[in-house]
Amino acid sequence: QVQLVESGGGLVQAGGSLRLSCAASGNIFSIAAMGWYRQAPGKQRELVARIIRGGSTNYADSVKGRFTISRDNAKNMVYLQMNSLKSEDTAVYYCNLYQTPRRYWGKGTQVTVSS
């Protein structure tokens, strides 16, 4: 079993920045990918950013140029630096880890951007 714990969410004004962190622990032996998803009220959960083994990254079009995902392999942590935040970034942000054959989720951290 793998546990994921997110931190760093909060309330910020539009244009501001936040940094999310996710710590992975448990039965970790070969992480294929880690990433961040978000879910706004009334909407489906969507991919925000992902970093796969080897370091390649993917971003949602809506966050490209504003968000940066990074990973500390030694600490089994993944980060999401969010700059130039917009009200539409308001959502619960979930950390995600894929390790064959399962996908794991954190409980989420709320990000609220006030306009």
N, C-alpha and C. Protein backbone atom coordinates (compact mmCIF):
# COMPACT_ATOMS: atom_id res chain seq x y z
N GLN A 1 0.85 -1.20 0.00
CA GLN A 1 0.00 0.00 0.00
C GLN A 1 0.88 1.24 0.00
N VAL A 2 0.38 2.28 -0.65
CA VAL A 2 1.09 3.56 -0.75
C VAL A 2 0.20 4.65 -0.20
N GLN A 3 0.78 5.55 0.56
CA GLN A 3 0.04 6.69 1.10
C GLN A 3 0.60 7.97 0.50
N LEU A 4 -0.31 8.88 0.19
CA LEU A 4 0.05 10.18 -0.35
C LEU A 4 -0.55 11.26 0.53
N VAL A 5 0.27 12.24 0.90
CA VAL A 5 -0.20 13.34 1.75
C VAL A 5 0.17 14.65 1.08
N GLU A 6 -0.87 15.43 0.76
CA GLU A 6 -0.66 16.73 0.14
C GLU A 6 -0.60 17.83 1.19
N SER A 7 0.10 18.91 0.85
CA SER A 7 0.12 20.09 1.70
C SER A 7 0.38 21.31 0.82
N GLY A 8 0.11 22.48 1.39
CA GLY A 8 0.43 23.71 0.69
C GLY A 8 -0.74 24.46 0.10
N GLY A 9 -1.93 23.89 0.18
CA GLY A 9 -3.09 24.60 -0.34
C GLY A 9 -3.44 25.79 0.54
N GLY A 10 -4.41 26.58 0.07
CA GLY A 10 -4.85 27.71 0.85
C GLY A 10 -5.59 28.72 0.02
N LEU A 11 -5.73 29.90 0.59
CA LEU A 11 -6.43 31.01 -0.06
C LEU A 11 -5.39 32.02 -0.55
N VAL A 12 -5.52 32.40 -1.80
CA VAL A 12 -4.58 33.36 -2.38
C VAL A 12 -5.33 34.28 -3.33
N GLN A 13 -4.83 35.48 -3.48
CA GLN A 13 -5.45 36.42 -4.42
C GLN A 13 -5.03 36.09 -5.85
N ALA A 14 -5.87 36.47 -6.77
CA ALA A 14 -5.53 36.29 -8.18
C ALA A 14 -4.20 36.96 -8.48
N GLY A 15 -3.39 36.25 -9.25
CA GLY A 15 -2.06 36.74 -9.56
C GLY A 15 -0.98 36.24 -8.62
N GLY A 16 -1.40 35.65 -7.52
CA GLY A 16 -0.47 35.16 -6.53
C GLY A 16 0.06 33.78 -6.85
N SER A 17 0.81 33.24 -5.90
CA SER A 17 1.47 31.95 -6.09
C SER A 17 1.24 31.05 -4.89
N LEU A 18 1.26 29.75 -5.16
CA LEU A 18 1.25 28.73 -4.12
C LEU A 18 2.14 27.58 -4.58
N ARG A 19 2.66 26.85 -3.60
CA ARG A 19 3.43 25.66 -3.90
C ARG A 19 2.82 24.48 -3.17
N LEU A 20 2.39 23.51 -3.92
CA LEU A 20 1.85 22.28 -3.34
C LEU A 20 2.95 21.23 -3.23
N SER A 21 2.86 20.45 -2.16
CA SER A 21 3.80 19.35 -1.96
C SER A 21 3.02 18.07 -1.73
N CYS A 22 3.62 16.97 -2.14
CA CYS A 22 3.01 15.66 -1.92
C CYS A 22 4.10 14.69 -1.50
N ALA A 23 3.89 14.07 -0.35
CA ALA A 23 4.85 13.09 0.16
C ALA A 23 4.27 11.69 0.00
N ALA A 24 5.04 10.83 -0.63
CA ALA A 24 4.62 9.45 -0.82
C ALA A 24 5.38 8.55 0.15
N SER A 25 4.66 7.59 0.72
CA SER A 25 5.29 6.65 1.64
C SER A 25 4.62 5.29 1.51
N GLY A 26 5.24 4.29 2.11
CA GLY A 26 4.68 2.95 2.05
C GLY A 26 5.49 2.04 1.14
N ASN A 27 4.76 1.17 0.48
CA ASN A 27 5.39 0.13 -0.36
C ASN A 27 5.74 0.70 -1.73
N ILE A 28 6.77 1.54 -1.75
CA ILE A 28 7.20 2.17 -3.00
C ILE A 28 8.41 1.43 -3.52
N PHE A 29 8.32 0.96 -4.75
CA PHE A 29 9.46 0.25 -5.31
C PHE A 29 9.80 0.68 -6.73
N SER A 30 8.81 1.18 -7.47
CA SER A 30 9.10 1.60 -8.84
C SER A 30 7.99 2.52 -9.33
N ILE A 31 8.16 3.79 -9.08
CA ILE A 31 7.13 4.76 -9.46
C ILE A 31 7.21 5.04 -10.96
N ALA A 32 6.10 4.84 -11.63
CA ALA A 32 6.07 5.11 -13.07
C ALA A 32 5.75 6.57 -13.36
N ALA A 33 4.90 7.15 -12.53
CA ALA A 33 4.52 8.55 -12.75
C ALA A 33 3.92 9.12 -11.48
N MET A 34 4.12 10.40 -11.29
CA MET A 34 3.44 11.14 -10.23
C MET A 34 2.87 12.41 -10.84
N GLY A 35 1.79 12.87 -10.25
CA GLY A 35 1.20 14.05 -10.83
C GLY A 35 0.16 14.69 -9.94
N TRP A 36 -0.45 15.72 -10.49
CA TRP A 36 -1.49 16.47 -9.81
C TRP A 36 -2.72 16.53 -10.68
N TYR A 37 -3.85 16.30 -10.06
CA TYR A 37 -5.15 16.47 -10.69
C TYR A 37 -5.92 17.47 -9.86
N ARG A 38 -6.98 18.00 -10.42
CA ARG A 38 -7.83 18.91 -9.66
C ARG A 38 -9.28 18.70 -10.01
N GLN A 39 -10.13 19.05 -9.06
CA GLN A 39 -11.57 18.94 -9.28
C GLN A 39 -12.25 20.16 -8.69
N ALA A 40 -12.89 20.91 -9.55
CA ALA A 40 -13.67 22.07 -9.13
C ALA A 40 -15.10 21.64 -8.89
N PRO A 41 -15.85 22.39 -8.11
CA PRO A 41 -17.25 22.03 -7.83
C PRO A 41 -18.05 21.87 -9.11
N GLY A 42 -18.75 20.75 -9.21
CA GLY A 42 -19.60 20.49 -10.36
C GLY A 42 -18.86 20.05 -11.62
N LYS A 43 -17.55 19.86 -11.51
CA LYS A 43 -16.77 19.47 -12.67
C LYS A 43 -16.05 18.15 -12.43
N GLN A 44 -15.62 17.54 -13.51
CA GLN A 44 -14.89 16.29 -13.41
C GLN A 44 -13.44 16.55 -13.00
N ARG A 45 -12.84 15.55 -12.40
CA ARG A 45 -11.43 15.64 -12.05
C ARG A 45 -10.62 15.68 -13.34
N GLU A 46 -9.62 16.56 -13.37
CA GLU A 46 -8.82 16.72 -14.57
C GLU A 46 -7.34 16.72 -14.24
N LEU A 47 -6.54 16.28 -15.21
CA LEU A 47 -5.10 16.30 -15.05
C LEU A 47 -4.60 17.75 -15.09
N VAL A 48 -3.74 18.09 -14.14
CA VAL A 48 -3.09 19.39 -14.14
C VAL A 48 -1.67 19.26 -14.69
N ALA A 49 -0.91 18.35 -14.09
CA ALA A 49 0.47 18.15 -14.52
C ALA A 49 0.93 16.78 -14.07
N ARG A 50 1.85 16.22 -14.84
CA ARG A 50 2.34 14.88 -14.54
C ARG A 50 3.81 14.81 -14.89
N ILE A 51 4.57 14.05 -14.11
CA ILE A 51 5.97 13.82 -14.38
C ILE A 51 6.20 12.31 -14.34
N ILE A 52 6.77 11.80 -15.40
CA ILE A 52 6.95 10.36 -15.51
C ILE A 52 8.40 9.97 -15.27
N ARG A 53 8.60 8.67 -15.11
CA ARG A 53 9.96 8.16 -14.89
C ARG A 53 10.86 8.65 -16.01
N GLY A 54 11.97 9.21 -15.65
CA GLY A 54 12.86 9.77 -16.66
C GLY A 54 12.79 11.29 -16.69
N GLY A 55 11.70 11.84 -16.14
CA GLY A 55 11.62 13.27 -15.99
C GLY A 55 10.74 14.02 -16.98
N SER A 56 10.16 13.33 -17.93
CA SER A 56 9.28 14.04 -18.88
C SER A 56 8.04 14.54 -18.16
N THR A 57 7.53 15.67 -18.62
CA THR A 57 6.37 16.29 -17.98
C THR A 57 5.26 16.55 -19.00
N ASN A 58 4.03 16.56 -18.47
CA ASN A 58 2.86 16.93 -19.25
C ASN A 58 2.06 17.94 -18.45
N TYR A 59 1.47 18.90 -19.15
CA TYR A 59 0.65 19.91 -18.48
C TYR A 59 -0.67 20.08 -19.22
N ALA A 60 -1.69 20.41 -18.45
CA ALA A 60 -2.94 20.84 -19.08
C ALA A 60 -2.68 22.16 -19.78
N ASP A 61 -3.35 22.36 -20.89
CA ASP A 61 -3.15 23.60 -21.65
C ASP A 61 -3.44 24.83 -20.80
N SER A 62 -4.40 24.71 -19.90
CA SER A 62 -4.83 25.85 -19.10
C SER A 62 -3.78 26.32 -18.09
N VAL A 63 -2.78 25.48 -17.82
CA VAL A 63 -1.79 25.86 -16.82
C VAL A 63 -0.38 26.00 -17.40
N LYS A 64 -0.22 25.70 -18.66
CA LYS A 64 1.11 25.79 -19.28
C LYS A 64 1.65 27.21 -19.15
N GLY A 65 2.91 27.29 -18.76
CA GLY A 65 3.54 28.59 -18.59
C GLY A 65 3.31 29.23 -17.23
N ARG A 66 2.40 28.66 -16.45
CA ARG A 66 2.11 29.20 -15.12
C ARG A 66 2.48 28.22 -14.01
N PHE A 67 2.28 26.94 -14.27
CA PHE A 67 2.55 25.90 -13.26
C PHE A 67 3.79 25.11 -13.66
N THR A 68 4.51 24.65 -12.64
CA THR A 68 5.68 23.81 -12.87
C THR A 68 5.66 22.63 -11.91
N ILE A 69 5.76 21.44 -12.45
CA ILE A 69 5.83 20.24 -11.62
C ILE A 69 7.28 19.80 -11.50
N SER A 70 7.62 19.34 -10.30
CA SER A 70 8.97 18.83 -10.08
C SER A 70 8.91 17.67 -9.10
N ARG A 71 9.98 16.92 -9.03
CA ARG A 71 9.97 15.72 -8.21
C ARG A 71 11.33 15.54 -7.56
N ASP A 72 11.30 15.10 -6.32
CA ASP A 72 12.51 14.72 -5.58
C ASP A 72 12.46 13.20 -5.41
N ASN A 73 13.21 12.51 -6.25
CA ASN A 73 13.14 11.05 -6.24
C ASN A 73 13.66 10.46 -4.92
N ALA A 74 14.65 11.08 -4.35
CA ALA A 74 15.24 10.55 -3.11
C ALA A 74 14.25 10.61 -1.96
N LYS A 75 13.38 11.61 -1.99
CA LYS A 75 12.42 11.80 -0.90
C LYS A 75 11.03 11.31 -1.26
N ASN A 76 10.86 10.82 -2.50
CA ASN A 76 9.53 10.39 -2.97
C ASN A 76 8.51 11.51 -2.80
N MET A 77 8.90 12.68 -3.27
CA MET A 77 8.01 13.83 -3.18
C MET A 77 7.81 14.44 -4.57
N VAL A 78 6.66 15.05 -4.75
CA VAL A 78 6.37 15.78 -5.97
C VAL A 78 5.80 17.14 -5.57
N TYR A 79 6.13 18.15 -6.35
CA TYR A 79 5.74 19.52 -6.05
C TYR A 79 5.01 20.13 -7.25
N LEU A 80 4.19 21.10 -6.95
CA LEU A 80 3.54 21.86 -8.00
C LEU A 80 3.65 23.33 -7.64
N GLN A 81 4.49 24.04 -8.38
CA GLN A 81 4.61 25.49 -8.21
C GLN A 81 3.58 26.16 -9.10
N MET A 82 2.71 26.92 -8.49
CA MET A 82 1.61 27.55 -9.21
C MET A 82 1.78 29.05 -9.13
N ASN A 83 1.99 29.68 -10.27
CA ASN A 83 2.16 31.13 -10.36
C ASN A 83 1.03 31.74 -11.17
N SER A 84 0.88 33.03 -11.05
CA SER A 84 -0.15 33.76 -11.80
C SER A 84 -1.50 33.08 -11.67
N LEU A 85 -1.87 32.77 -10.46
CA LEU A 85 -3.11 32.03 -10.23
C LEU A 85 -4.33 32.85 -10.65
N LYS A 86 -5.32 32.11 -11.15
CA LYS A 86 -6.57 32.71 -11.61
C LYS A 86 -7.73 32.11 -10.81
N SER A 87 -8.84 32.79 -10.82
CA SER A 87 -10.00 32.29 -10.07
C SER A 87 -10.41 30.90 -10.57
N GLU A 88 -10.22 30.67 -11.86
CA GLU A 88 -10.60 29.36 -12.41
C GLU A 88 -9.67 28.22 -11.98
N ASP A 89 -8.60 28.55 -11.28
CA ASP A 89 -7.73 27.51 -10.71
C ASP A 89 -8.27 26.99 -9.38
N THR A 90 -9.31 27.61 -8.87
CA THR A 90 -9.91 27.18 -7.62
C THR A 90 -10.44 25.76 -7.74
N ALA A 91 -9.97 24.89 -6.86
CA ALA A 91 -10.35 23.48 -6.91
C ALA A 91 -9.68 22.74 -5.76
N VAL A 92 -10.08 21.50 -5.59
CA VAL A 92 -9.33 20.59 -4.72
C VAL A 92 -8.27 19.92 -5.58
N TYR A 93 -7.04 19.98 -5.13
CA TYR A 93 -5.92 19.42 -5.87
C TYR A 93 -5.51 18.09 -5.24
N TYR A 94 -5.41 17.07 -6.09
CA TYR A 94 -5.10 15.72 -5.63
C TYR A 94 -3.76 15.26 -6.18
N CYS A 95 -2.97 14.70 -5.31
CA CYS A 95 -1.73 14.07 -5.72
C CYS A 95 -2.05 12.67 -6.22
N ASN A 96 -1.32 12.25 -7.22
CA ASN A 96 -1.56 10.95 -7.85
C ASN A 96 -0.23 10.26 -8.10
N LEU A 97 -0.20 8.97 -7.85
CA LEU A 97 1.00 8.18 -8.09
C LEU A 97 0.60 6.90 -8.81
N TYR A 98 1.32 6.57 -9.88
CA TYR A 98 1.08 5.31 -10.57
C TYR A 98 2.30 4.43 -10.43
N GLN A 99 2.02 3.28 -9.84
CA GLN A 99 3.05 2.25 -9.68
C GLN A 99 2.39 0.94 -10.06
N THR A 100 2.88 0.33 -11.11
CA THR A 100 2.24 -0.87 -11.64
C THR A 100 1.91 -1.86 -10.53
N PRO A 101 0.70 -2.36 -10.40
CA PRO A 101 -0.40 -2.17 -11.34
C PRO A 101 -1.47 -1.19 -10.88
N ARG A 102 -1.11 -0.36 -9.88
CA ARG A 102 -2.16 0.48 -9.28
C ARG A 102 -1.88 1.96 -9.38
N ARG A 103 -2.97 2.71 -9.27
CA ARG A 103 -2.92 4.16 -9.16
C ARG A 103 -3.38 4.53 -7.76
N TYR A 104 -2.66 5.45 -7.13
CA TYR A 104 -2.99 5.89 -5.78
C TYR A 104 -3.33 7.37 -5.77
N TRP A 105 -4.19 7.74 -4.80
CA TRP A 105 -4.64 9.14 -4.68
C TRP A 105 -4.44 9.62 -3.25
N GLY A 106 -4.09 10.90 -3.13
CA GLY A 106 -4.14 11.55 -1.84
C GLY A 106 -5.54 12.02 -1.54
N LYS A 107 -5.73 12.61 -0.35
CA LYS A 107 -7.06 13.07 0.04
C LYS A 107 -7.39 14.44 -0.52
N GLY A 108 -6.40 15.15 -1.01
CA GLY A 108 -6.63 16.43 -1.63
C GLY A 108 -6.34 17.61 -0.73
N THR A 109 -6.04 18.74 -1.36
CA THR A 109 -5.84 19.99 -0.65
C THR A 109 -6.55 21.10 -1.41
N GLN A 110 -7.25 21.93 -0.68
CA GLN A 110 -8.08 22.98 -1.31
C GLN A 110 -7.21 24.17 -1.70
N VAL A 111 -7.40 24.61 -2.91
CA VAL A 111 -6.79 25.86 -3.40
C VAL A 111 -7.93 26.79 -3.79
N THR A 112 -7.95 27.97 -3.19
CA THR A 112 -8.99 28.94 -3.48
C THR A 112 -8.32 30.23 -3.92
N VAL A 113 -8.69 30.70 -5.10
CA VAL A 113 -8.11 31.92 -5.65
C VAL A 113 -9.21 32.97 -5.68
N SER A 114 -9.01 34.04 -4.97
CA SER A 114 -10.01 35.11 -4.91
C SER A 114 -9.70 36.16 -5.97
N SER A 115 -10.76 36.64 -6.59
CA SER A 115 -10.56 37.62 -7.67
C SER A 115 -10.70 39.03 -7.15
